[in-house]
């Protein structure tokens, strides 16, 4: 999720004790809604 490819995903993290959780800061965001670029089509 936090890779360089990243899909421009709005990622936020929050801690709960010693654990860290990641989620989209925009609950409506989905990488499946992102259109493919020309390089991904081939």
PDB file of N, CA and C in Angstrom:
ATOM      1  N   UNK A   1       0.811  -1.202   0.000  1.00  0.00           N
ATOM      2  CA  UNK A   1       0.000   0.000   0.000  1.00  0.00           C
ATOM      3  C   UNK A   1       0.853   1.265   0.000  1.00  0.00           C
ATOM      4  N   UNK A   2       1.973   1.190   0.651  1.00  0.00           N
ATOM      5  CA  UNK A   2       2.818   2.370   0.708  1.00  0.00           C
ATOM      6  C   UNK A   2       4.010   2.248  -0.245  1.00  0.00           C
ATOM      7  N   UNK A   3       3.882   1.412  -1.267  1.00  0.00           N
ATOM      8  CA  UNK A   3       4.959   1.234  -2.231  1.00  0.00           C
ATOM      9  C   UNK A   3       5.086   2.461  -3.125  1.00  0.00           C
ATOM     10  N   UNK A   4       6.134   2.466  -3.926  1.00  0.00           N
ATOM     11  CA  UNK A   4       6.328   3.583  -4.843  1.00  0.00           C
ATOM     12  C   UNK A   4       5.234   3.618  -5.907  1.00  0.00           C
ATOM     13  N   UNK A   5       4.751   2.436  -6.323  1.00  0.00           N
ATOM     14  CA  UNK A   5       3.638   2.392  -7.272  1.00  0.00           C
ATOM     15  C   UNK A   5       2.428   3.060  -6.640  1.00  0.00           C
ATOM     16  N   UNK A   6       2.120   2.684  -5.444  1.00  0.00           N
ATOM     17  CA  UNK A   6       1.182   3.346  -4.559  1.00  0.00           C
ATOM     18  C   UNK A   6      -0.199   3.687  -5.051  1.00  0.00           C
ATOM     19  N   UNK A   7      -0.430   3.756  -6.332  1.00  0.00           N
ATOM     20  CA  UNK A   7      -1.744   4.061  -6.890  1.00  0.00           C
ATOM     21  C   UNK A   7      -2.306   5.378  -6.363  1.00  0.00           C
ATOM     22  N   UNK A   8      -1.457   6.266  -5.857  1.00  0.00           N
ATOM     23  CA  UNK A   8      -1.892   7.535  -5.261  1.00  0.00           C
ATOM     24  C   UNK A   8      -2.972   7.307  -4.211  1.00  0.00           C
ATOM     25  N   UNK A   9      -2.839   6.235  -3.485  1.00  0.00           N
ATOM     26  CA  UNK A   9      -3.813   5.887  -2.458  1.00  0.00           C
ATOM     27  C   UNK A   9      -3.656   6.793  -1.239  1.00  0.00           C
ATOM     28  N   UNK A  10      -4.756   7.313  -0.732  1.00  0.00           N
ATOM     29  CA  UNK A  10      -4.704   8.149   0.472  1.00  0.00           C
ATOM     30  C   UNK A  10      -4.603   7.257   1.720  1.00  0.00           C
ATOM     31  N   UNK A  11      -3.385   6.930   2.119  1.00  0.00           N
ATOM     32  CA  UNK A  11      -3.145   6.000   3.218  1.00  0.00           C
ATOM     33  C   UNK A  11      -2.911   6.757   4.518  1.00  0.00           C
ATOM     34  N   UNK A  12      -3.510   6.268   5.590  1.00  0.00           N
ATOM     35  CA  UNK A  12      -3.224   6.796   6.913  1.00  0.00           C
ATOM     36  C   UNK A  12      -2.935   5.621   7.832  1.00  0.00           C
ATOM     37  N   UNK A  13      -2.153   5.875   8.862  1.00  0.00           N
ATOM     38  CA  UNK A  13      -1.853   4.829   9.827  1.00  0.00           C
ATOM     39  C   UNK A  13      -2.282   5.300  11.209  1.00  0.00           C
ATOM     40  N   UNK A  14      -2.628   4.343  12.042  1.00  0.00           N
ATOM     41  CA  UNK A  14      -2.952   4.676  13.417  1.00  0.00           C
ATOM     42  C   UNK A  14      -2.477   3.550  14.316  1.00  0.00           C
ATOM     43  N   UNK A  15      -2.076   3.908  15.510  1.00  0.00           N
ATOM     44  CA  UNK A  15      -1.547   2.959  16.472  1.00  0.00           C
ATOM     45  C   UNK A  15      -2.619   2.575  17.474  1.00  0.00           C
ATOM     46  N   UNK A  16      -2.580   1.314  17.854  1.00  0.00           N
ATOM     47  CA  UNK A  16      -3.430   0.797  18.921  1.00  0.00           C
ATOM     48  C   UNK A  16      -2.503  -0.016  19.817  1.00  0.00           C
ATOM     49  N   UNK A  17      -1.976   0.630  20.829  1.00  0.00           N
ATOM     50  CA  UNK A  17      -0.966  -0.022  21.658  1.00  0.00           C
ATOM     51  C   UNK A  17       0.315  -0.185  20.869  1.00  0.00           C
ATOM     52  N   UNK A  18       0.789  -1.430  20.747  1.00  0.00           N
ATOM     53  CA  UNK A  18       2.019  -1.683  19.991  1.00  0.00           C
ATOM     54  C   UNK A  18       1.745  -2.001  18.528  1.00  0.00           C
ATOM     55  N   UNK A  19       0.499  -2.124  18.146  1.00  0.00           N
ATOM     56  CA  UNK A  19       0.144  -2.451  16.762  1.00  0.00           C
ATOM     57  C   UNK A  19      -0.108  -1.185  15.954  1.00  0.00           C
ATOM     58  N   UNK A  20       0.229  -1.256  14.670  1.00  0.00           N
ATOM     59  CA  UNK A  20      -0.037  -0.152  13.743  1.00  0.00           C
ATOM     60  C   UNK A  20      -0.938  -0.686  12.644  1.00  0.00           C
ATOM     61  N   UNK A  21      -2.005   0.037  12.381  1.00  0.00           N
ATOM     62  CA  UNK A  21      -2.965  -0.338  11.344  1.00  0.00           C
ATOM     63  C   UNK A  21      -2.930   0.700  10.231  1.00  0.00           C
ATOM     64  N   UNK A  22      -3.160   0.235   9.004  1.00  0.00           N
ATOM     65  CA  UNK A  22      -3.200   1.117   7.842  1.00  0.00           C
ATOM     66  C   UNK A  22      -4.578   1.023   7.212  1.00  0.00           C
ATOM     67  N   UNK A  23      -5.052   2.150   6.733  1.00  0.00           N
ATOM     68  CA  UNK A  23      -6.338   2.189   6.057  1.00  0.00           C
ATOM     69  C   UNK A  23      -6.360   3.382   5.111  1.00  0.00           C
ATOM     70  N   UNK A  24      -7.338   3.375   4.221  1.00  0.00           N
ATOM     71  CA  UNK A  24      -7.532   4.529   3.352  1.00  0.00           C
ATOM     72  C   UNK A  24      -8.139   5.657   4.176  1.00  0.00           C
ATOM     73  N   UNK A  25      -7.615   6.859   4.027  1.00  0.00           N
ATOM     74  CA  UNK A  25      -8.204   7.998   4.731  1.00  0.00           C
ATOM     75  C   UNK A  25      -9.528   8.399   4.088  1.00  0.00           C
ATOM     76  N   UNK A  26      -9.728   8.021   2.827  1.00  0.00           N
ATOM     77  CA  UNK A  26     -10.995   8.255   2.122  1.00  0.00           C
ATOM     78  C   UNK A  26     -11.716   6.915   1.995  1.00  0.00           C
ATOM     79  N   UNK A  27     -12.791   6.682   2.737  1.00  0.00           N
ATOM     80  CA  UNK A  27     -13.466   5.382   2.692  1.00  0.00           C
ATOM     81  C   UNK A  27     -14.053   5.032   1.327  1.00  0.00           C
ATOM     82  N   UNK A  28     -14.215   5.994   0.445  1.00  0.00           N
ATOM     83  CA  UNK A  28     -14.743   5.749  -0.897  1.00  0.00           C
ATOM     84  C   UNK A  28     -13.659   5.359  -1.900  1.00  0.00           C
ATOM     85  N   UNK A  29     -12.384   5.457  -1.511  1.00  0.00           N
ATOM     86  CA  UNK A  29     -11.282   5.162  -2.424  1.00  0.00           C
ATOM     87  C   UNK A  29     -11.172   3.662  -2.671  1.00  0.00           C
ATOM     88  N   UNK A  30     -10.856   3.298  -3.910  1.00  0.00           N
ATOM     89  CA  UNK A  30     -10.576   1.915  -4.270  1.00  0.00           C
ATOM     90  C   UNK A  30      -9.597   1.919  -5.436  1.00  0.00           C
ATOM     91  N   UNK A  31      -8.563   1.084  -5.360  1.00  0.00           N
ATOM     92  CA  UNK A  31      -7.636   1.014  -6.491  1.00  0.00           C
ATOM     93  C   UNK A  31      -8.324   0.392  -7.701  1.00  0.00           C
ATOM     94  N   UNK A  32      -9.412  -0.309  -7.481  1.00  0.00           N
ATOM     95  CA  UNK A  32     -10.145  -0.915  -8.590  1.00  0.00           C
ATOM     96  C   UNK A  32     -10.883   0.122  -9.429  1.00  0.00           C
ATOM     97  N   UNK A  33     -11.072   1.319  -8.905  1.00  0.00           N
ATOM     98  CA  UNK A  33     -11.738   2.393  -9.641  1.00  0.00           C
ATOM     99  C   UNK A  33     -10.747   3.215 -10.464  1.00  0.00           C
ATOM    100  N   UNK A  34      -9.460   2.969 -10.288  1.00  0.00           N
ATOM    101  CA  UNK A  34      -8.419   3.715 -10.984  1.00  0.00           C
ATOM    102  C   UNK A  34      -8.243   3.163 -12.398  1.00  0.00           C
ATOM    103  N   UNK A  35      -8.315   4.015 -13.425  1.00  0.00           N
ATOM    104  CA  UNK A  35      -8.145   3.510 -14.796  1.00  0.00           C
ATOM    105  C   UNK A  35      -6.705   3.055 -15.043  1.00  0.00           C
ATOM    106  N   UNK A  36      -6.544   2.118 -15.965  1.00  0.00           N
ATOM    107  CA  UNK A  36      -5.217   1.641 -16.323  1.00  0.00           C
ATOM    108  C   UNK A  36      -4.518   2.657 -17.208  1.00  0.00           C
ATOM    109  N   UNK A  37      -3.190   2.750 -17.044  1.00  0.00           N
ATOM    110  CA  UNK A  37      -2.425   3.624 -17.932  1.00  0.00           C
ATOM    111  C   UNK A  37      -1.976   2.814 -19.148  1.00  0.00           C
ATOM    112  N   UNK A  38      -1.449   3.452 -20.197  1.00  0.00           N
ATOM    113  CA  UNK A  38      -1.074   2.730 -21.427  1.00  0.00           C
ATOM    114  C   UNK A  38      -0.086   1.594 -21.190  1.00  0.00           C
ATOM    115  N   UNK A  39       0.856   1.758 -20.279  1.00  0.00           N
ATOM    116  CA  UNK A  39       1.847   0.692 -20.018  1.00  0.00           C
ATOM    117  C   UNK A  39       1.182  -0.529 -19.394  1.00  0.00           C
ATOM    118  N   UNK A  40       0.146  -0.329 -18.609  1.00  0.00           N
ATOM    119  CA  UNK A  40      -0.542  -1.443 -17.958  1.00  0.00           C
ATOM    120  C   UNK A  40      -1.475  -2.174 -18.921  1.00  0.00           C
ATOM    121  N   UNK A  41      -1.841  -1.540 -20.013  1.00  0.00           N
ATOM    122  CA  UNK A  41      -2.731  -2.167 -20.987  1.00  0.00           C
ATOM    123  C   UNK A  41      -2.030  -3.213 -21.837  1.00  0.00           C
ATOM    124  N   UNK A  42      -0.714  -3.114 -21.966  1.00  0.00           N
ATOM    125  CA  UNK A  42       0.031  -4.063 -22.820  1.00  0.00           C
ATOM    126  C   UNK A  42       0.626  -5.189 -22.038  1.00  0.00           C
TER     127      UNK A  42
END
